[in-house]
Amino acid sequence: MGNSKSVRKINFEDMQDMIKDMRTIIINTMESNMQDCLITRTVLAKHETELLNKLINTNLQVRIVIYGINATDDKIVKKYNQLLTLGFTNVLVYPGGMFEWLLLQDIYGSDHFQSTKTEVDILKYKGKKISNLLLTNY
């Protein structure tokens, strides 16, 4: 694929480890109206810019994990590239996002998949259906 650099991805087990590692920064790309239910230890969106500006001057090697709303959220790659451009060197992406996390929480329990609140409507985090689009729309 030319000169493009692969996005460094982690799975849910890695994410569980990242939550336990207090040195890891966890951020998300969800819209401001979707910030009430987050994976435990996620930096609140309103504090993200201030924290990242501080880290730019103190620790570009800090581990940062980014997640979005679900596996179809392209904003995670945009944020990943933005952080690399700012000089951060240890950036990872959890592609399953909040949707996968809440599904796993529903099956295996909140002890293993902690979030900031219990979400009843998990489907509000699902991706948009595109299979009904005509091929000419691609």
Protein backbone atom coordinates (compact mmCIF):
# COMPACT_ATOMS: atom_id res chain seq x y z
CA MET A 1 0.00 0.00 0.00
CA GLY A 2 2.69 2.50 -0.88
CA ASN A 3 4.21 4.61 1.84
CA SER A 4 1.26 4.49 4.23
CA LYS A 5 2.03 3.41 7.77
CA SER A 6 -0.16 0.75 9.38
CA VAL A 7 -2.30 1.75 12.32
CA ARG A 8 -1.21 -0.10 15.47
CA LYS A 9 -4.31 -1.95 16.72
CA ILE A 10 -5.12 -3.74 19.96
CA ASN A 11 -7.87 -6.18 20.90
CA PHE A 12 -10.17 -6.18 23.93
CA GLU A 13 -7.72 -8.17 26.06
CA ASP A 14 -5.03 -5.58 25.41
CA MET A 15 -7.56 -2.88 26.28
CA GLN A 16 -8.24 -4.57 29.61
CA ASP A 17 -4.49 -4.44 30.31
CA MET A 18 -4.29 -0.78 29.26
CA ILE A 19 -7.02 0.12 31.75
CA LYS A 20 -4.95 -1.45 34.54
CA ASP A 21 -1.79 0.42 33.48
CA MET A 22 -2.15 3.83 35.08
CA ARG A 23 0.57 5.25 32.80
CA THR A 24 -1.62 4.69 29.73
CA ILE A 25 -3.79 7.56 28.47
CA ILE A 26 -7.16 6.49 27.01
CA ILE A 27 -9.08 8.85 24.73
CA ASN A 28 -12.11 8.49 22.48
CA THR A 29 -13.45 10.06 19.30
CA MET A 30 -17.16 9.91 20.07
CA GLU A 31 -19.35 12.99 19.68
CA SER A 32 -19.87 15.26 22.69
CA ASN A 33 -23.42 13.97 23.17
CA MET A 34 -22.04 10.41 23.53
CA GLN A 35 -19.62 11.09 26.41
CA ASP A 36 -21.80 9.83 29.26
CA CYS A 37 -20.86 6.15 28.87
CA LEU A 38 -17.13 5.58 28.36
CA ILE A 39 -14.64 2.80 28.90
CA THR A 40 -13.23 3.15 32.41
CA ARG A 41 -10.28 5.55 32.72
CA THR A 42 -11.08 7.40 29.49
CA VAL A 43 -10.01 11.03 29.66
CA LEU A 44 -13.08 13.24 29.43
CA ALA A 45 -13.23 14.98 26.04
CA LYS A 46 -13.29 18.40 27.71
CA HIS A 47 -9.89 17.67 29.32
CA GLU A 48 -8.22 15.97 26.33
CA THR A 49 -6.68 19.02 24.64
CA GLU A 50 -5.20 20.36 27.87
CA LEU A 51 -3.71 16.96 28.74
CA LEU A 52 -2.24 16.40 25.26
CA ASN A 53 -0.71 19.90 25.22
CA LYS A 54 0.96 19.15 28.54
CA LEU A 55 2.24 15.80 27.27
CA ILE A 56 3.65 17.36 24.08
CA ASN A 57 6.03 19.29 26.31
CA THR A 58 6.79 16.51 28.79
CA ASN A 59 6.32 12.97 27.44
CA LEU A 60 5.92 12.17 23.74
CA GLN A 61 6.56 8.48 24.52
CA VAL A 62 3.47 8.10 26.71
CA ARG A 63 1.20 5.27 25.59
CA ILE A 64 -2.09 6.59 24.20
CA VAL A 65 -5.02 4.36 23.27
CA ILE A 66 -7.78 5.71 21.02
CA TYR A 67 -11.22 4.18 20.57
CA GLY A 68 -14.36 5.31 18.83
CA ILE A 69 -18.01 4.45 18.81
CA ASN A 70 -17.62 1.18 16.84
CA ALA A 71 -15.47 -0.64 14.29
CA THR A 72 -16.65 1.59 11.42
CA ASP A 73 -15.55 4.83 13.11
CA ASP A 74 -13.00 6.42 10.75
CA LYS A 75 -12.30 9.22 13.24
CA ILE A 76 -9.98 6.91 15.18
CA VAL A 77 -7.54 6.77 12.25
CA LYS A 78 -7.71 10.54 11.82
CA LYS A 79 -6.97 11.03 15.54
CA TYR A 80 -4.19 8.42 15.36
CA ASN A 81 -2.49 10.27 12.51
CA GLN A 82 -2.99 13.62 14.25
CA LEU A 83 -1.22 12.36 17.37
CA LEU A 84 1.66 10.93 15.33
CA THR A 85 1.99 14.28 13.55
CA LEU A 86 2.18 16.01 16.95
CA GLY A 87 5.15 13.77 17.78
CA PHE A 88 3.61 11.07 19.95
CA THR A 89 5.35 7.75 19.29
CA ASN A 90 3.35 5.17 21.23
CA VAL A 91 -0.20 5.46 19.90
CA LEU A 92 -2.56 2.48 19.66
CA VAL A 93 -6.13 2.02 18.41
CA TYR A 94 -8.85 -0.19 19.89
CA PRO A 95 -11.00 -0.64 16.75
CA GLY A 96 -13.89 -2.48 18.43
CA GLY A 97 -14.83 0.72 20.18
CA MET A 98 -17.60 1.32 22.64
CA PHE A 99 -20.02 -0.99 20.83
CA GLU A 100 -17.80 -4.06 21.14
CA TRP A 101 -16.93 -3.15 24.73
CA LEU A 102 -20.59 -2.90 25.75
CA LEU A 103 -21.46 -6.16 23.99
CA LEU A 104 -18.67 -7.92 25.88
CA GLN A 105 -19.83 -6.24 29.09
CA ASP A 106 -23.35 -7.55 28.46
CA ILE A 107 -22.07 -11.11 27.98
CA TYR A 108 -19.20 -11.33 30.48
CA GLY A 109 -20.09 -8.66 33.03
CA SER A 110 -18.98 -5.22 34.08
CA ASP A 111 -16.23 -6.60 36.34
CA HIS A 112 -14.29 -7.57 33.20
CA PHE A 113 -15.50 -4.76 30.91
CA GLN A 114 -15.85 -1.68 33.06
CA SER A 115 -17.52 1.51 31.87
CA THR A 116 -18.45 4.79 33.49
CA LYS A 117 -22.15 3.88 33.52
CA THR A 118 -24.46 1.01 32.70
CA GLU A 119 -25.85 1.47 29.20
CA VAL A 120 -29.22 -0.10 28.47
CA ASP A 121 -29.40 0.83 24.76
CA ILE A 122 -26.24 -0.80 23.38
CA LEU A 123 -27.51 -0.54 19.79
CA LYS A 124 -27.13 3.24 19.80
CA TYR A 125 -23.38 2.51 19.43
CA LYS A 126 -23.72 0.25 16.38
CA GLY A 127 -22.43 1.27 12.96
CA LYS A 128 -24.56 2.56 10.13
CA LYS A 129 -25.80 -0.07 7.70
CA ILE A 130 -24.36 0.35 4.19
CA SER A 131 -25.27 -2.97 2.54
CA ASN A 132 -28.45 -1.51 1.07
CA LEU A 133 -26.56 1.18 -0.86
CA LEU A 134 -26.27 0.77 -4.59
CA LEU A 135 -22.81 -0.02 -5.92
CA THR A 136 -22.88 3.26 -7.82
CA ASN A 137 -22.92 5.08 -4.47
CA TYR A 138 -19.47 3.79 -3.51
